[in-house]
């Protein structure tokens, strides 16, 4: 049955073991190896996620699928201390260009055959790009993609409303702005909230467990409306750009968005063209304040502005 993949797993698979990362990266590797020319876009969607293929096509058609795009709802609560920015695993998309590159990464020695010390560190923190047991699938995918220079693409509309949501629609439309809530951590100050949380033609909502699955029929009727019906159109989205964040982050990042406060020694990061999979703070230098590959890197200094009020400013980075 071509609707199901049969993949060889090294780790036991069950709800108790939750070895989700192995299952996920092997799925991506299989599809990228055997079906790369079957489609332009590839999505990972949880089974409790509502997904609108019509709205996704209406949005993605403005992007070149042969370039590297990583689309979803971007989360940044691990950026400062772990250097991890990733898209929620409830629903995210890779362009054909991105999938081609990550397949090669999954075949590399640093990923498939890490040395014992690295293997031990990665198993403990689940924050290195490597084959390992356990969950933490969506942050791991973000780490791996960042190591080859692919960061989340902003999928917000021009009003800073989300197209992908990790919540149920009814919940998200009631969710107030909470700067310390993991979801809102470092989100742009102009991000839409409550009834303005989500784009006119949203792509996904998540967390429809058990009896909530019955809501899928209403979501389908509401959002999977074909273009042209009742005047439905898809406007051109903002120009392609990396994920958006509030301008007053109180930590230092370089021009490739690596956090200088990251404590994850040995993480593979992107240091610019020709500097993929560079090892963070693990080279010959003993200076823990600088990654060995970037002692002369220009740093972007930011200030702590915790008292900054939420505004309607359009300033972004």
Protein backbone atom coordinates (compact mmCIF):
# COMPACT_ATOMS: atom_id res chain seq x y z
CA UNK A 1 0.00 0.00 0.00
CA UNK A 2 1.72 3.17 -1.21
CA UNK A 3 -0.17 5.23 1.36
CA UNK A 4 2.11 3.84 4.06
CA UNK A 5 5.89 3.75 4.39
CA UNK A 6 7.59 0.67 5.77
CA UNK A 7 10.91 1.78 7.21
CA UNK A 8 13.51 -0.16 9.17
CA UNK A 9 13.83 1.27 12.68
CA UNK A 10 16.72 0.75 15.07
CA UNK A 11 14.76 2.05 18.04
CA UNK A 12 11.53 0.53 19.41
CA UNK A 13 8.45 2.41 18.26
CA UNK A 14 5.50 2.97 20.58
CA UNK A 15 3.72 5.77 22.42
CA UNK A 16 5.71 4.83 25.51
CA UNK A 17 9.15 4.91 23.86
CA UNK A 18 8.37 7.99 21.73
CA UNK A 19 11.36 7.52 19.44
CA UNK A 20 9.89 10.09 17.10
CA UNK A 21 13.11 11.59 15.75
CA UNK A 22 14.34 8.40 14.08
CA UNK A 23 10.95 7.85 12.49
CA UNK A 24 10.82 11.43 11.22
CA UNK A 25 14.28 11.76 9.74
CA UNK A 26 14.06 8.34 8.06
CA UNK A 27 10.72 9.33 6.58
CA UNK A 28 12.25 12.51 5.14
CA UNK A 29 15.27 10.58 3.86
CA UNK A 30 13.08 7.96 2.17
CA UNK A 31 10.83 10.51 0.49
CA UNK A 32 13.77 12.66 -0.54
CA UNK A 33 15.57 9.66 -2.01
CA UNK A 34 12.70 7.93 -3.82
CA UNK A 35 10.09 10.62 -4.48
CA UNK A 36 12.01 13.87 -4.87
CA UNK A 37 10.68 14.43 -8.40
CA UNK A 38 7.11 13.47 -7.58
CA UNK A 39 6.24 16.83 -6.10
CA UNK A 40 7.46 20.37 -5.52
CA UNK A 41 6.53 20.57 -1.82
CA UNK A 42 6.61 17.97 0.96
CA UNK A 43 4.84 18.25 4.29
CA UNK A 44 5.01 16.56 7.66
CA UNK A 45 1.53 16.71 9.23
CA UNK A 46 0.44 15.21 12.55
CA UNK A 47 -2.69 13.09 12.43
CA UNK A 48 -4.45 15.48 14.83
CA UNK A 49 -3.78 18.44 12.52
CA UNK A 50 -6.27 20.01 10.14
CA UNK A 51 -4.55 20.91 6.87
CA UNK A 52 -5.90 22.89 3.93
CA UNK A 53 -4.19 21.82 0.69
CA UNK A 54 -6.08 24.52 -1.19
CA UNK A 55 -4.77 27.30 1.04
CA UNK A 56 -1.26 25.86 1.04
CA UNK A 57 -1.16 25.76 -2.75
CA UNK A 58 -2.51 29.31 -2.90
CA UNK A 59 0.37 30.48 -0.71
CA UNK A 60 3.26 28.28 -1.91
CA UNK A 61 2.72 28.96 -5.61
CA UNK A 62 4.51 32.27 -5.19
CA UNK A 63 7.74 30.54 -4.07
CA UNK A 64 10.28 28.74 -6.24
CA UNK A 65 10.24 25.10 -4.98
CA UNK A 66 13.74 24.49 -6.30
CA UNK A 67 15.09 26.94 -3.75
CA UNK A 68 15.39 25.99 -0.09
CA UNK A 69 12.28 26.90 1.93
CA UNK A 70 11.25 25.60 5.37
CA UNK A 71 7.72 26.76 6.16
CA UNK A 72 5.51 26.51 9.23
CA UNK A 73 4.82 28.24 12.53
CA UNK A 74 8.18 29.40 13.85
CA UNK A 75 9.02 28.96 17.54
CA UNK A 76 11.94 30.78 19.18
CA UNK A 77 11.81 29.96 22.89
CA UNK A 78 15.01 27.85 22.57
CA UNK A 79 16.96 30.37 20.50
CA UNK A 80 18.88 32.17 23.22
CA UNK A 81 20.31 29.27 25.21
CA UNK A 82 20.26 26.43 22.67
CA UNK A 83 20.51 28.25 19.35
CA UNK A 84 17.39 26.47 18.12
CA UNK A 85 14.75 28.14 15.97
CA UNK A 86 12.31 25.71 14.42
CA UNK A 87 8.86 25.21 12.96
CA UNK A 88 6.19 23.45 14.99
CA UNK A 89 6.07 19.76 14.16
CA UNK A 90 2.29 19.80 13.92
CA UNK A 91 2.62 20.86 10.28
CA UNK A 92 5.62 22.11 8.35
CA UNK A 93 6.70 22.06 4.72
CA UNK A 94 9.97 21.62 2.87
CA UNK A 95 10.48 22.70 -0.70
CA UNK A 96 12.10 20.25 -3.08
CA UNK A 97 15.26 22.36 -2.94
CA UNK A 98 15.43 22.08 0.85
CA UNK A 99 14.68 18.36 0.90
CA UNK A 100 17.46 17.60 -1.58
CA UNK A 101 19.98 19.26 0.71
CA UNK A 102 18.81 17.71 3.96
CA UNK A 103 18.89 14.20 2.46
CA UNK A 104 22.64 14.59 1.93
CA UNK A 105 22.99 15.76 5.52
CA UNK A 106 21.25 12.63 6.83
CA UNK A 107 23.80 10.54 4.92
CA UNK A 108 26.82 12.33 6.38
CA UNK A 109 29.15 10.76 8.96
CA UNK A 110 28.51 13.52 11.50
CA UNK A 111 24.82 12.62 11.46
CA UNK A 112 24.76 8.87 10.91
CA UNK A 113 27.96 7.87 12.71
CA UNK A 114 28.71 10.37 15.51
CA UNK A 115 31.72 9.60 17.72
CA UNK A 116 30.93 8.23 21.21
CA UNK A 117 31.42 11.54 23.01
CA UNK A 118 29.16 13.38 20.60
CA UNK A 119 26.64 10.56 20.72
CA UNK A 120 26.48 10.81 24.51
CA UNK A 121 26.04 14.60 24.45
CA UNK A 122 23.38 14.46 21.77
CA UNK A 123 21.40 11.75 23.52
CA UNK A 124 21.37 13.81 26.71
CA UNK A 125 20.41 17.23 25.31
CA UNK A 126 18.58 16.19 22.12
CA UNK A 127 19.93 19.36 20.56
CA UNK A 128 22.55 18.07 18.09
CA UNK A 129 21.97 17.09 14.48
CA UNK A 130 22.51 13.33 14.69
CA UNK A 131 20.74 10.00 14.69
CA UNK A 132 19.60 9.17 18.23
CA UNK A 133 16.76 7.79 20.29
CA UNK A 134 13.95 9.88 21.73
CA UNK A 135 11.56 12.63 20.72
CA UNK A 136 12.19 16.37 20.27
CA UNK A 137 11.68 15.86 16.56
CA UNK A 138 10.76 19.34 15.39
CA UNK A 139 13.60 21.20 17.18
CA UNK A 140 16.05 18.58 15.86
CA UNK A 141 14.87 19.22 12.32
CA UNK A 142 15.43 22.94 12.89
CA UNK A 143 18.98 22.28 14.15
CA UNK A 144 19.82 20.13 11.14
CA UNK A 145 18.42 22.58 8.60
CA UNK A 146 20.16 25.54 10.24
CA UNK A 147 23.50 23.73 10.06
CA UNK A 148 23.27 23.88 6.25
CA UNK A 149 21.96 27.43 6.12
CA UNK A 150 18.22 26.80 5.94
CA UNK A 151 16.24 28.75 8.54
CA UNK A 152 12.46 28.98 8.83
CA UNK A 153 10.85 31.14 6.18
CA UNK A 154 8.40 33.71 7.48
CA UNK A 155 4.88 32.62 6.62
CA UNK A 156 3.09 35.54 8.30
CA UNK A 157 0.84 37.64 6.10
CA UNK A 158 1.25 41.41 5.69
CA UNK A 159 -0.72 41.95 8.90
CA UNK A 160 1.59 39.62 10.86
CA UNK A 161 -1.07 36.93 11.13
CA UNK A 162 -0.11 33.27 11.13
CA UNK A 163 -0.89 30.83 8.32
CA UNK A 164 0.19 27.76 10.31
CA UNK A 165 -1.04 27.30 13.89
CA UNK A 166 0.01 24.73 16.52
CA UNK A 167 -3.36 25.20 18.26
CA UNK A 168 -7.01 24.53 17.56
CA UNK A 169 -8.64 27.44 15.78
CA UNK A 170 -11.12 28.18 18.58
CA UNK A 171 -8.28 28.26 21.14
CA UNK A 172 -5.93 30.39 19.04
CA UNK A 173 -8.63 32.99 18.38
CA UNK A 174 -8.96 33.50 22.15
CA UNK A 175 -5.26 33.46 23.00
CA UNK A 176 -4.09 36.77 24.47
CA UNK A 177 -0.58 38.20 24.14
CA UNK A 178 1.69 36.75 26.83
CA UNK A 179 5.35 37.72 26.27
CA UNK A 180 6.66 34.96 28.56
CA UNK A 181 4.45 32.21 27.14
CA UNK A 182 6.64 29.81 25.14
CA UNK A 183 4.60 30.35 21.99
CA UNK A 184 4.96 34.13 21.99
CA UNK A 185 8.64 34.17 23.03
CA UNK A 186 10.38 36.64 20.69
CA UNK A 187 7.45 36.79 18.27
CA UNK A 188 7.17 40.17 16.50
CA UNK A 189 5.43 42.76 18.64
CA UNK A 190 2.92 43.30 15.86
CA UNK A 191 1.90 39.63 15.75
CA UNK A 192 -1.86 39.26 15.47
CA UNK A 193 -3.71 38.02 18.53
CA UNK A 194 -7.15 36.65 19.37
CA UNK A 195 -9.52 37.12 16.40
CA UNK A 196 -6.64 38.57 14.36
CA UNK A 197 -4.29 35.66 15.12
CA UNK A 198 -4.59 33.95 11.81
CA UNK A 199 -4.42 34.76 8.13
CA UNK A 200 -7.54 35.04 6.01
CA UNK A 201 -6.80 31.68 4.43
CA UNK A 202 -5.07 29.60 7.14
CA UNK A 203 -3.17 26.46 6.22
CA UNK A 204 -3.24 24.41 9.42
CA UNK A 205 -4.60 24.07 12.95
CA UNK A 206 -3.57 21.45 15.47
CA UNK A 207 -4.56 19.44 18.55
CA UNK A 208 -7.85 17.92 17.48
CA UNK A 209 -7.66 14.92 19.80
CA UNK A 210 -10.27 12.19 20.23
CA UNK A 211 -13.79 13.70 20.09
CA UNK A 212 -12.39 16.97 18.71
CA UNK A 213 -11.77 15.16 15.41
CA UNK A 214 -15.44 15.76 14.66
CA UNK A 215 -14.52 19.40 14.12
CA UNK A 216 -12.55 18.48 10.98
CA UNK A 217 -15.71 18.46 8.85
CA UNK A 218 -16.54 22.05 9.83
CA UNK A 219 -12.93 23.16 9.28
CA UNK A 220 -12.93 21.52 5.85
CA UNK A 221 -16.15 23.25 4.87
CA UNK A 222 -14.88 26.60 6.14
CA UNK A 223 -11.30 26.62 4.84
CA UNK A 224 -11.05 24.18 1.92
CA UNK A 225 -13.00 26.44 -0.40
CA UNK A 226 -11.67 26.57 -3.95
CA UNK A 227 -10.23 29.78 -5.34
CA UNK A 228 -12.91 31.80 -7.09
CA UNK A 229 -15.79 30.53 -4.96
CA UNK A 230 -17.51 33.43 -3.20
CA UNK A 231 -14.76 35.72 -4.47
CA UNK A 232 -11.91 33.84 -2.76
CA UNK A 233 -8.48 34.97 -3.97
CA UNK A 234 -4.88 34.49 -2.85
CA UNK A 235 -2.94 37.72 -2.74
CA UNK A 236 0.81 37.85 -3.29
CA UNK A 237 2.53 37.28 0.09
CA UNK A 238 5.37 39.46 1.42
CA UNK A 239 8.74 38.87 -0.22
CA UNK A 240 10.53 35.66 0.88
CA UNK A 241 12.45 36.31 4.10
CA UNK A 242 13.65 34.44 7.14
CA UNK A 243 11.60 34.20 10.31
CA UNK A 244 10.56 37.45 11.95
CA UNK A 245 11.27 38.28 15.59
CA UNK A 246 10.85 41.19 17.95
CA UNK A 247 13.61 43.81 17.49
CA UNK A 248 14.61 44.07 21.15
CA UNK A 249 15.98 40.59 21.81
CA UNK A 250 18.22 40.81 24.87
CA UNK A 251 21.02 38.57 23.66
CA UNK A 252 23.63 38.76 20.93
CA UNK A 253 23.44 37.00 17.57
CA UNK A 254 25.71 37.05 14.56
CA UNK A 255 24.57 37.82 11.03
CA UNK A 256 23.57 34.17 10.56
CA UNK A 257 21.41 34.31 13.68
CA UNK A 258 23.62 32.15 15.89
CA UNK A 259 23.10 33.03 19.55
CA UNK A 260 26.33 33.85 21.37
CA UNK A 261 24.69 32.73 24.61
CA UNK A 262 24.11 29.20 23.36
CA UNK A 263 25.48 26.66 25.83
CA UNK A 264 25.37 23.77 23.37
CA UNK A 265 29.00 22.96 22.71
CA UNK A 266 29.44 20.80 19.65
CA UNK A 267 26.27 21.86 17.88
CA UNK A 268 26.73 22.15 14.12
CA UNK A 269 25.82 25.62 12.90
CA UNK A 270 25.90 27.69 9.74
CA UNK A 271 28.68 30.27 9.60
CA UNK A 272 28.08 31.68 6.15
CA UNK A 273 28.74 30.59 2.55
CA UNK A 274 31.23 27.74 2.51
CA UNK A 275 30.91 27.31 6.29
CA UNK A 276 28.19 24.73 6.73
CA UNK A 277 28.11 22.34 9.69
CA UNK A 278 30.68 24.31 11.67
CA UNK A 279 31.23 23.03 15.21
CA UNK A 280 30.10 25.54 17.84
CA UNK A 281 32.70 26.30 20.55
CA UNK A 282 34.57 23.05 20.12
CA UNK A 283 37.71 23.91 18.17
CA UNK A 284 41.28 24.66 19.23
CA UNK A 285 40.35 27.90 20.99
CA UNK A 286 39.77 27.97 24.74
CA UNK A 287 37.78 31.18 24.52
CA UNK A 288 34.25 30.07 25.38
CA UNK A 289 32.86 33.44 24.34
CA UNK A 290 33.62 32.91 20.67
CA UNK A 291 33.10 29.97 18.33
CA UNK A 292 36.47 28.91 16.97
CA UNK A 293 35.38 29.35 13.39
CA UNK A 294 34.34 32.95 13.84
CA UNK A 295 36.74 34.92 16.02
CA UNK A 296 36.41 37.91 13.68
CA UNK A 297 32.68 37.60 13.06
CA UNK A 298 30.81 40.89 13.26
CA UNK A 299 28.25 40.65 16.02
CA UNK A 300 24.85 42.30 16.09
CA UNK A 301 24.48 43.90 19.50
CA UNK A 302 21.03 44.10 20.97
CA UNK A 303 19.78 45.69 24.15
CA UNK A 304 17.47 44.53 26.88
CA UNK A 305 14.20 46.40 26.53
CA UNK A 306 11.88 44.32 28.68
CA UNK A 307 9.79 47.40 29.42
CA UNK A 308 9.04 47.98 25.74
CA UNK A 309 5.30 48.07 25.30
CA UNK A 310 3.54 46.08 22.64
CA UNK A 311 3.02 48.55 19.78
CA UNK A 312 1.80 48.74 16.21
CA UNK A 313 5.31 49.46 14.98
CA UNK A 314 6.26 47.91 11.66
CA UNK A 315 9.95 47.67 12.52
CA UNK A 316 11.34 44.19 11.88
CA UNK A 317 14.70 42.57 11.50
